[in-house]
Amino acid sequence: MDWFHGAVLGLIQGLTEFLPISSSAHLRVFPALFGWQDPGAAFTAVTQLGTETAVLIYFRRDIAAIIKTWTLSLFRPALRSHQDARMGWFVIMGTLPIGILGKLFQDTIEQDLRDLRIIGSTLILFGVVLAIADRTRAVRHAKPISDLTLPHAAIYGMAQALALIPGVSRSGGTISAGLLLGYSREAAARYSFLLAIPAVLASGLLELFKIGEGPAPAWGPTVLATGIAFVVGYAAIAWFLKYISNNSFMPFVVYRIALGILIIVLVSVGTLSPDAGVVAK
């Protein structure tokens, strides 16, 4: 990977991480379309550190309050019913599924699931799920994030674990779960962003050790991509939260399905190989 490729992929990561269209799918699909080498799962995980840093800064007050109140609640029982203390437990509960499954199926995730036919199919399938979830929310009284419960946090967590499959989308999966559980678009998105923090940071830090080794991209382009992803990602968060306050997810649904169909057609007619750009370990 050269510097130009790194810059382009960093831009793609920043634009797609928080939208329900799957950043991991885009980082796999776009290099394949242009005949570039697949940057790999390690590159994807590390560039997510850039977008996750944007989350840490954007939600810094919320995060600081959650950490402070949750920590104090361990020693002060009176604080355990506080919303911020409860949110700390909700994030921990929601992180367990992706942590366990990510460890158990690491090799499958990094190799077999990067098949373009799988990615095209998941883009379409979970686009339909998002459409159904958004429609379900539209005919219900939407619940605020303060109504979140531990069982619902676990369901969010299982939905987030599905994002280990490229094409599902971390935000798309968790937001769909939230909408199906009756939460507002804003509540579903906000918890989705907070829930992603531990899993993304842990994955990115672990994958740092693979950068520059074997088929993984070199450090220089990866650092550039991560920096661009941070800047673009911060802007994307602000825009997305404003957008969903008054608009549905249908434009994202249409885009997902169209991209999924395009990928499957290109693979079916032989224009693209299912493993285009992948470098064997």
Protein backbone atom coordinates (compact mmCIF):
# COMPACT_ATOMS: atom_id res chain seq x y z
CA MET A 1 0.00 0.00 0.00
CA ASP A 2 1.33 3.46 -0.90
CA TRP A 3 0.54 6.83 0.68
CA PHE A 4 -2.24 7.66 -1.81
CA HIS A 5 -4.03 4.38 -1.12
CA GLY A 6 -3.68 4.99 2.61
CA ALA A 7 -5.19 8.47 2.31
CA VAL A 8 -8.14 7.23 0.24
CA LEU A 9 -8.86 4.33 2.59
CA GLY A 10 -8.60 6.63 5.61
CA LEU A 11 -11.20 8.89 4.01
CA ILE A 12 -13.46 5.90 3.37
CA GLN A 13 -13.05 4.69 6.96
CA GLY A 14 -13.92 8.10 8.38
CA LEU A 15 -16.97 8.49 6.14
CA THR A 16 -18.41 5.01 6.70
CA GLU A 17 -17.59 3.99 10.28
CA PHE A 18 -20.57 5.69 11.89
CA LEU A 19 -23.06 5.30 9.06
CA PRO A 20 -25.02 2.02 8.94
CA ILE A 21 -23.30 0.91 5.72
CA SER A 22 -20.28 -1.05 7.09
CA SER A 23 -16.82 0.49 7.03
CA SER A 24 -15.18 -2.96 6.96
CA ALA A 25 -17.12 -3.83 3.80
CA HIS A 26 -16.04 -0.60 2.11
CA LEU A 27 -12.40 -1.11 3.05
CA ARG A 28 -12.63 -4.54 1.45
CA VAL A 29 -14.78 -3.69 -1.58
CA PHE A 30 -13.23 -0.45 -2.86
CA PRO A 31 -9.66 -1.79 -3.12
CA ALA A 32 -11.07 -4.81 -4.97
CA LEU A 33 -12.96 -2.57 -7.42
CA PHE A 34 -9.85 -0.54 -8.22
CA GLY A 35 -7.48 -3.50 -8.35
CA TRP A 36 -5.65 -2.61 -5.13
CA GLN A 37 -4.41 -5.07 -2.54
CA ASP A 38 -6.86 -5.88 0.23
CA PRO A 39 -5.58 -3.86 3.24
CA GLY A 40 -6.64 -6.68 5.56
CA ALA A 41 -8.38 -6.94 8.91
CA ALA A 42 -5.40 -5.51 10.83
CA PHE A 43 -5.45 -2.28 8.80
CA THR A 44 -9.22 -1.97 9.28
CA ALA A 45 -8.93 -2.45 13.05
CA VAL A 46 -6.09 0.06 13.42
CA THR A 47 -7.75 2.80 11.33
CA GLN A 48 -10.80 2.36 13.55
CA LEU A 49 -8.64 3.72 16.35
CA GLY A 50 -8.81 7.03 14.50
CA THR A 51 -12.58 7.08 14.27
CA GLU A 52 -12.92 5.81 17.83
CA THR A 53 -10.71 8.65 19.04
CA ALA A 54 -13.25 10.95 17.41
CA VAL A 55 -15.95 9.26 19.52
CA LEU A 56 -13.90 9.73 22.69
CA ILE A 57 -13.55 13.45 22.02
CA TYR A 58 -17.10 14.03 20.78
CA PHE A 59 -18.68 12.24 23.76
CA ARG A 60 -15.94 13.17 26.25
CA ARG A 61 -18.34 14.61 28.83
CA ASP A 62 -20.66 11.61 28.68
CA ILE A 63 -17.74 9.19 28.88
CA ALA A 64 -16.11 11.02 31.78
CA ALA A 65 -19.40 11.06 33.71
CA ILE A 66 -19.99 7.34 33.08
CA ILE A 67 -16.49 6.33 34.18
CA LYS A 68 -16.55 8.55 37.26
CA THR A 69 -20.03 7.58 38.45
CA TRP A 70 -19.57 3.88 37.68
CA THR A 71 -16.28 3.78 39.60
CA LEU A 72 -17.75 5.62 42.58
CA SER A 73 -20.80 3.36 42.57
CA LEU A 74 -18.54 0.38 43.34
CA PHE A 75 -17.97 1.93 46.77
CA ARG A 76 -21.14 3.97 47.24
CA PRO A 77 -24.32 1.86 46.95
CA ALA A 78 -26.48 4.99 46.71
CA LEU A 79 -25.01 5.74 43.29
CA ARG A 80 -25.72 2.33 41.76
CA SER A 81 -29.13 3.40 40.46
CA HIS A 82 -27.70 6.51 38.81
CA GLN A 83 -28.08 6.51 35.02
CA ASP A 84 -24.35 6.96 34.41
CA ALA A 85 -23.43 4.10 36.74
CA ARG A 86 -25.97 1.85 35.06
CA MET A 87 -24.65 2.86 31.63
CA GLY A 88 -21.20 1.67 32.69
CA TRP A 89 -22.60 -1.80 33.37
CA PHE A 90 -24.62 -1.70 30.13
CA VAL A 91 -21.46 -1.02 28.10
CA ILE A 92 -19.60 -3.84 29.88
CA MET A 93 -22.46 -6.28 29.29
CA GLY A 94 -22.82 -5.27 25.66
CA THR A 95 -19.08 -5.70 25.01
CA LEU A 96 -18.85 -9.32 26.19
CA PRO A 97 -20.37 -11.02 23.08
CA ILE A 98 -18.05 -9.37 20.55
CA GLY A 99 -15.02 -9.95 22.77
CA ILE A 100 -15.73 -13.66 23.20
CA LEU A 101 -16.77 -14.37 19.60
CA GLY A 102 -13.98 -12.23 18.16
CA LYS A 103 -11.40 -14.28 20.04
CA LEU A 104 -12.96 -17.64 19.19
CA PHE A 105 -13.35 -16.96 15.46
CA GLN A 106 -10.43 -14.61 14.80
CA ASP A 107 -8.92 -16.61 11.92
CA THR A 108 -12.28 -17.08 10.19
CA ILE A 109 -13.05 -13.37 10.51
CA GLU A 110 -9.67 -12.29 9.13
CA GLN A 111 -9.68 -14.72 6.19
CA ASP A 112 -12.83 -16.62 5.18
CA LEU A 113 -15.37 -13.85 5.86
CA ARG A 114 -13.59 -11.40 3.54
CA ASP A 115 -15.09 -13.23 0.53
CA LEU A 116 -16.86 -10.61 -1.62
CA ARG A 117 -19.91 -12.86 -2.06
CA ILE A 118 -20.41 -12.91 1.71
CA ILE A 119 -19.99 -9.15 1.94
CA GLY A 120 -22.46 -8.49 -0.88
CA SER A 121 -25.02 -10.79 0.73
CA THR A 122 -24.68 -9.26 4.20
CA LEU A 123 -24.97 -5.73 2.81
CA ILE A 124 -28.31 -6.67 1.28
CA LEU A 125 -29.63 -8.82 4.13
CA PHE A 126 -28.88 -6.35 6.90
CA GLY A 127 -30.04 -3.48 4.74
CA VAL A 128 -33.45 -5.17 4.74
CA VAL A 129 -33.19 -5.67 8.52
CA LEU A 130 -32.44 -1.95 8.97
CA ALA A 131 -35.45 -1.05 6.81
CA ILE A 132 -37.76 -3.26 8.89
CA ALA A 133 -36.32 -1.87 12.13
CA ASP A 134 -36.75 1.73 11.00
CA ARG A 135 -40.32 1.06 9.92
CA THR A 136 -41.06 -0.65 13.25
CA ARG A 137 -39.78 2.38 15.16
CA ALA A 138 -41.95 4.69 13.07
CA VAL A 139 -45.18 3.08 14.32
CA ARG A 140 -44.17 2.97 18.02
CA HIS A 141 -43.63 5.40 20.84
CA ALA A 142 -39.84 5.67 20.86
CA LYS A 143 -38.04 5.15 24.18
CA PRO A 144 -35.16 7.37 25.36
CA ILE A 145 -31.75 5.99 26.27
CA SER A 146 -32.62 6.36 29.98
CA ASP A 147 -35.04 3.41 29.56
CA LEU A 148 -32.19 1.05 28.66
CA THR A 149 -32.11 -2.19 30.68
CA LEU A 150 -29.46 -4.87 31.20
CA PRO A 151 -31.26 -7.47 29.02
CA HIS A 152 -31.59 -4.91 26.24
CA ALA A 153 -27.89 -4.04 26.60
CA ALA A 154 -27.10 -7.73 26.10
CA ILE A 155 -29.22 -7.81 22.93
CA TYR A 156 -27.40 -4.72 21.65
CA GLY A 157 -24.15 -6.55 22.39
CA MET A 158 -25.15 -9.61 20.37
CA ALA A 159 -26.11 -7.34 17.49
CA GLN A 160 -22.71 -5.65 17.71
CA ALA A 161 -21.01 -9.06 17.57
CA LEU A 162 -22.63 -9.66 14.17
CA ALA A 163 -20.47 -6.81 12.86
CA LEU A 164 -17.50 -9.18 13.02
CA ILE A 165 -18.86 -10.21 9.60
CA PRO A 166 -17.83 -7.56 7.04
CA GLY A 167 -20.93 -6.02 5.50
CA VAL A 168 -23.12 -6.15 8.60
CA SER A 169 -22.02 -2.77 10.05
CA ARG A 170 -21.40 -2.21 13.74
CA SER A 171 -23.62 0.87 13.89
CA GLY A 172 -26.18 -0.69 11.55
CA GLY A 173 -26.48 -3.85 13.62
CA THR A 174 -26.73 -2.14 17.00
CA ILE A 175 -29.01 0.64 15.76
CA SER A 176 -31.33 -1.93 14.16
CA ALA A 177 -31.46 -3.82 17.47
CA GLY A 178 -32.25 -0.60 19.31
CA LEU A 179 -35.04 0.34 16.91
CA LEU A 180 -36.57 -3.14 17.12
CA LEU A 181 -36.48 -2.84 20.92
CA GLY A 182 -38.43 0.40 20.64
CA TYR A 183 -35.76 3.05 21.22
CA SER A 184 -35.57 6.31 19.32
CA ARG A 185 -33.09 6.73 16.49
CA GLU A 186 -31.03 9.14 18.61
CA ALA A 187 -31.00 6.80 21.64
CA ALA A 188 -30.07 3.77 19.51
CA ALA A 189 -27.25 5.66 17.80
CA ARG A 190 -25.86 7.19 20.99
CA TYR A 191 -25.65 3.86 22.82
CA SER A 192 -24.22 2.27 19.67
CA PHE A 193 -21.34 4.77 19.70
CA LEU A 194 -20.65 4.31 23.41
CA LEU A 195 -20.89 0.51 23.18
CA ALA A 196 -18.29 0.36 20.40
CA ILE A 197 -15.54 2.08 22.42
CA PRO A 198 -14.11 -0.87 24.42
CA ALA A 199 -14.32 -3.39 21.57
CA VAL A 200 -12.82 -1.10 18.91
CA LEU A 201 -10.01 0.15 21.13
CA ALA A 202 -9.10 -3.38 22.24
CA SER A 203 -9.18 -4.75 18.69
CA GLY A 204 -7.17 -1.86 17.27
CA LEU A 205 -4.49 -2.02 19.95
CA LEU A 206 -4.09 -5.78 19.51
CA GLU A 207 -3.83 -5.48 15.72
CA LEU A 208 -1.18 -2.74 16.01
CA PHE A 209 1.43 -5.47 16.41
CA LYS A 210 0.61 -6.86 12.95
CA ILE A 211 1.14 -3.62 11.01
CA GLY A 212 4.25 -3.77 8.84
CA GLU A 213 4.51 -7.55 9.06
CA GLY A 214 3.60 -10.08 6.36
CA PRO A 215 0.78 -8.90 4.09
CA ALA A 216 -0.24 -6.04 6.40
CA PRO A 217 0.36 -2.47 5.10
CA ALA A 218 3.39 -0.45 6.23
CA TRP A 219 3.28 1.91 9.20
CA GLY A 220 3.44 5.17 7.22
CA PRO A 221 0.28 4.77 5.11
CA THR A 222 -1.54 3.20 8.06
CA VAL A 223 -0.79 6.17 10.35
CA LEU A 224 -1.88 8.58 7.60
CA ALA A 225 -5.12 6.65 7.08
CA THR A 226 -5.80 6.63 10.83
CA GLY A 227 -5.28 10.39 11.10
CA ILE A 228 -7.58 11.12 8.17
CA ALA A 229 -10.17 8.72 9.58
CA PHE A 230 -10.13 10.67 12.86
CA VAL A 231 -10.75 14.07 11.25
CA VAL A 232 -13.41 12.86 8.82
CA GLY A 233 -14.99 10.61 11.44
CA TYR A 234 -15.48 13.49 13.88
CA ALA A 235 -17.37 15.45 11.23
CA ALA A 236 -19.38 12.34 10.32
CA ILE A 237 -20.57 11.85 13.92
CA ALA A 238 -21.88 15.41 14.16
CA TRP A 239 -23.63 15.17 10.80
CA PHE A 240 -25.13 11.72 11.45
CA LEU A 241 -26.63 12.59 14.84
CA LYS A 242 -28.17 15.73 13.37
CA TYR A 243 -29.45 13.87 10.31
CA ILE A 244 -31.22 11.05 12.15
CA SER A 245 -33.09 13.45 14.43
CA ASN A 246 -35.41 14.29 11.53
CA ASN A 247 -34.78 11.67 8.84
CA SER A 248 -35.18 7.93 8.33
CA PHE A 249 -32.49 5.37 7.51
CA MET A 250 -33.99 4.55 4.10
CA PRO A 251 -31.25 6.28 2.03
CA PHE A 252 -28.70 4.03 3.75
CA VAL A 253 -30.90 0.99 3.11
CA VAL A 254 -31.12 1.76 -0.60
CA TYR A 255 -27.36 2.34 -0.81
CA ARG A 256 -26.55 -0.93 1.00
CA ILE A 257 -28.81 -3.00 -1.23
CA ALA A 258 -27.54 -1.33 -4.42
CA LEU A 259 -23.89 -1.87 -3.45
CA GLY A 260 -24.56 -5.47 -2.42
CA ILE A 261 -26.28 -6.24 -5.72
CA LEU A 262 -23.42 -4.60 -7.66
CA ILE A 263 -20.82 -6.72 -5.85
CA ILE A 264 -22.70 -9.97 -6.41
CA VAL A 265 -23.28 -9.18 -10.11
CA LEU A 266 -19.61 -8.29 -10.68
CA VAL A 267 -18.49 -11.51 -9.01
CA SER A 268 -21.12 -13.59 -10.85
CA VAL A 269 -20.05 -12.36 -14.30
CA GLY A 270 -16.38 -12.81 -13.48
CA THR A 271 -15.42 -9.13 -13.40
CA LEU A 272 -14.33 -9.56 -9.79
CA SER A 273 -12.90 -12.60 -8.07
CA PRO A 274 -14.45 -13.40 -4.65
CA ASP A 275 -10.99 -13.06 -3.10
CA ALA A 276 -9.82 -10.14 -5.27
CA GLY A 277 -6.80 -8.38 -3.78
CA VAL A 278 -6.37 -10.79 -0.88
CA VAL A 279 -2.80 -11.73 -0.16
CA ALA A 280 -2.32 -15.20 1.31
CA LYS A 281 -0.58 -15.36 4.66
